[in-house]
Amino acid sequence: MLELAPLILVMALLAAVAWAGRRGRGVGADVIVRCLAGHLFTTAWIPGLSAKAIHLGWFRLQWCPAGEHWTLVTPVRGSGLTDEERWLAGQYRDGPVP
């Protein structure tokens, strides 16, 4: 049973990625997220994997480069953003490491 643990973990991560994609949320290297203060920025977002943030369900506690503060962030639906908001989010990047 112990040898199945890595397979189960990989399957759970794939399921989380598929679920996020169906809900219109981004997954990958340049995902637009919003902090509690409303700032938009891009970050690497892979469910269940992060070296620079603390996971709290679908939220993360991480550094917001737009507001220069620690906060909770969550991915936003790209379809709900204006072109200006997408451009603004692209001006603040949190780096390639999830």
C-alpha atoms as a PDB file:
ATOM      1  CA  MET A   1       0.000   0.000   0.000  1.00  0.00           C
ATOM      2  CA  LEU A   2       2.896   2.361   0.738  1.00  0.00           C
ATOM      3  CA  GLU A   3       4.138   2.098  -2.840  1.00  0.00           C
ATOM      4  CA  LEU A   4       0.768   3.444  -4.040  1.00  0.00           C
ATOM      5  CA  ALA A   5       1.156   6.702  -2.101  1.00  0.00           C
ATOM      6  CA  PRO A   6       3.134   8.565  -4.831  1.00  0.00           C
ATOM      7  CA  LEU A   7       0.647   7.451  -7.486  1.00  0.00           C
ATOM      8  CA  ILE A   8      -2.277   8.624  -5.371  1.00  0.00           C
ATOM      9  CA  LEU A   9      -0.571  11.984  -4.799  1.00  0.00           C
ATOM     10  CA  VAL A  10       0.041  12.483  -8.534  1.00  0.00           C
ATOM     11  CA  MET A  11      -3.565  11.553  -9.313  1.00  0.00           C
ATOM     12  CA  ALA A  12      -4.839  14.004  -6.693  1.00  0.00           C
ATOM     13  CA  LEU A  13      -2.694  16.815  -8.151  1.00  0.00           C
ATOM     14  CA  LEU A  14      -3.927  16.065 -11.672  1.00  0.00           C
ATOM     15  CA  ALA A  15      -7.517  16.101 -10.437  1.00  0.00           C
ATOM     16  CA  ALA A  16      -6.947  19.486  -8.766  1.00  0.00           C
ATOM     17  CA  VAL A  17      -5.476  20.920 -11.980  1.00  0.00           C
ATOM     18  CA  ALA A  18      -8.414  19.599 -14.029  1.00  0.00           C
ATOM     19  CA  TRP A  19     -10.912  20.994 -11.518  1.00  0.00           C
ATOM     20  CA  ALA A  20      -9.255  24.425 -11.608  1.00  0.00           C
ATOM     21  CA  GLY A  21      -9.280  24.447 -15.398  1.00  0.00           C
ATOM     22  CA  ARG A  22     -12.973  23.607 -15.556  1.00  0.00           C
ATOM     23  CA  ARG A  23     -13.774  26.429 -13.159  1.00  0.00           C
ATOM     24  CA  GLY A  24     -11.970  28.944 -15.379  1.00  0.00           C
ATOM     25  CA  ARG A  25      -9.150  29.476 -12.922  1.00  0.00           C
ATOM     26  CA  GLY A  26      -5.595  29.438 -14.143  1.00  0.00           C
ATOM     27  CA  VAL A  27      -2.974  26.850 -13.418  1.00  0.00           C
ATOM     28  CA  GLY A  28       0.641  27.189 -14.504  1.00  0.00           C
ATOM     29  CA  ALA A  29       3.462  29.699 -14.675  1.00  0.00           C
ATOM     30  CA  ASP A  30       1.630  33.021 -15.248  1.00  0.00           C
ATOM     31  CA  VAL A  31      -1.662  32.858 -13.389  1.00  0.00           C
ATOM     32  CA  ILE A  32      -3.389  36.119 -12.485  1.00  0.00           C
ATOM     33  CA  VAL A  33      -4.215  36.300  -8.782  1.00  0.00           C
ATOM     34  CA  ARG A  34      -5.862  38.909  -6.566  1.00  0.00           C
ATOM     35  CA  CYS A  35      -4.884  39.706  -2.999  1.00  0.00           C
ATOM     36  CA  LEU A  36      -7.274  40.737  -0.227  1.00  0.00           C
ATOM     37  CA  ALA A  37      -6.482  44.408  -0.905  1.00  0.00           C
ATOM     38  CA  GLY A  38      -7.551  43.951  -4.538  1.00  0.00           C
ATOM     39  CA  HIS A  39      -4.107  44.062  -6.145  1.00  0.00           C
ATOM     40  CA  LEU A  40      -3.622  41.940  -9.264  1.00  0.00           C
ATOM     41  CA  PHE A  41      -0.361  40.209 -10.160  1.00  0.00           C
ATOM     42  CA  THR A  42       0.876  37.060 -11.842  1.00  0.00           C
ATOM     43  CA  THR A  43       2.419  34.094 -10.093  1.00  0.00           C
ATOM     44  CA  ALA A  44       3.090  30.413 -10.646  1.00  0.00           C
ATOM     45  CA  TRP A  45       0.067  28.470  -9.407  1.00  0.00           C
ATOM     46  CA  ILE A  46       0.101  24.690  -9.165  1.00  0.00           C
ATOM     47  CA  PRO A  47      -2.439  23.243  -6.715  1.00  0.00           C
ATOM     48  CA  GLY A  48      -0.764  21.497  -3.807  1.00  0.00           C
ATOM     49  CA  LEU A  49       2.727  22.702  -4.689  1.00  0.00           C
ATOM     50  CA  SER A  50       4.448  25.834  -3.425  1.00  0.00           C
ATOM     51  CA  ALA A  51       7.900  26.721  -2.156  1.00  0.00           C
ATOM     52  CA  LYS A  52       7.189  30.384  -1.385  1.00  0.00           C
ATOM     53  CA  ALA A  53       3.706  30.395   0.116  1.00  0.00           C
ATOM     54  CA  ILE A  54       1.555  28.734   2.757  1.00  0.00           C
ATOM     55  CA  HIS A  55      -1.510  26.933   1.388  1.00  0.00           C
ATOM     56  CA  LEU A  56      -4.865  27.523   3.041  1.00  0.00           C
ATOM     57  CA  GLY A  57      -7.255  25.569   0.841  1.00  0.00           C
ATOM     58  CA  TRP A  58      -7.623  27.365  -2.496  1.00  0.00           C
ATOM     59  CA  PHE A  59      -5.986  30.455  -0.965  1.00  0.00           C
ATOM     60  CA  ARG A  60      -2.310  31.100  -0.343  1.00  0.00           C
ATOM     61  CA  LEU A  61      -0.552  33.304   2.137  1.00  0.00           C
ATOM     62  CA  GLN A  62       2.191  34.939   0.084  1.00  0.00           C
ATOM     63  CA  TRP A  63       3.962  38.181  -0.765  1.00  0.00           C
ATOM     64  CA  CYS A  64       2.026  40.626  -2.985  1.00  0.00           C
ATOM     65  CA  PRO A  65       4.538  42.437  -5.225  1.00  0.00           C
ATOM     66  CA  ALA A  66       1.920  44.988  -6.305  1.00  0.00           C
ATOM     67  CA  GLY A  67       1.131  46.186  -2.772  1.00  0.00           C
ATOM     68  CA  GLU A  68       4.389  45.040  -1.161  1.00  0.00           C
ATOM     69  CA  HIS A  69       2.701  43.197   1.697  1.00  0.00           C
ATOM     70  CA  TRP A  70       1.946  39.665   2.913  1.00  0.00           C
ATOM     71  CA  THR A  71      -1.639  38.668   2.197  1.00  0.00           C
ATOM     72  CA  LEU A  72      -4.006  35.925   1.099  1.00  0.00           C
ATOM     73  CA  VAL A  73      -4.247  35.497  -2.672  1.00  0.00           C
ATOM     74  CA  THR A  74      -6.449  33.437  -4.954  1.00  0.00           C
ATOM     75  CA  PRO A  75      -6.608  32.947  -8.736  1.00  0.00           C
ATOM     76  CA  VAL A  76      -9.154  35.018 -10.642  1.00  0.00           C
ATOM     77  CA  ARG A  77     -11.147  34.102 -13.715  1.00  0.00           C
ATOM     78  CA  GLY A  78      -9.479  35.589 -16.764  1.00  0.00           C
ATOM     79  CA  SER A  79     -12.859  36.065 -18.433  1.00  0.00           C
ATOM     80  CA  GLY A  80     -13.909  38.403 -15.627  1.00  0.00           C
ATOM     81  CA  LEU A  81     -11.007  40.804 -16.155  1.00  0.00           C
ATOM     82  CA  THR A  82     -10.764  43.788 -18.450  1.00  0.00           C
ATOM     83  CA  ASP A  83      -7.821  44.217 -20.824  1.00  0.00           C
ATOM     84  CA  GLU A  84      -6.511  46.938 -18.513  1.00  0.00           C
ATOM     85  CA  GLU A  85      -6.649  44.617 -15.495  1.00  0.00           C
ATOM     86  CA  ARG A  86      -4.794  41.897 -17.405  1.00  0.00           C
ATOM     87  CA  TRP A  87      -2.144  44.428 -18.443  1.00  0.00           C
ATOM     88  CA  LEU A  88      -1.829  45.682 -14.839  1.00  0.00           C
ATOM     89  CA  ALA A  89      -1.440  42.143 -13.491  1.00  0.00           C
ATOM     90  CA  GLY A  90       1.336  41.531 -16.014  1.00  0.00           C
ATOM     91  CA  GLN A  91       3.288  44.496 -14.641  1.00  0.00           C
ATOM     92  CA  TYR A  92       3.718  42.731 -11.290  1.00  0.00           C
ATOM     93  CA  ARG A  93       5.213  39.252 -11.456  1.00  0.00           C
ATOM     94  CA  ASP A  94       5.916  37.093  -8.445  1.00  0.00           C
ATOM     95  CA  GLY A  95       8.509  34.918 -10.162  1.00  0.00           C
ATOM     96  CA  PRO A  96       8.544  31.484 -11.769  1.00  0.00           C
ATOM     97  CA  VAL A  97       8.803  29.339  -8.625  1.00  0.00           C
ATOM     98  CA  PRO A  98       5.408  28.077  -7.363  1.00  0.00           C
END
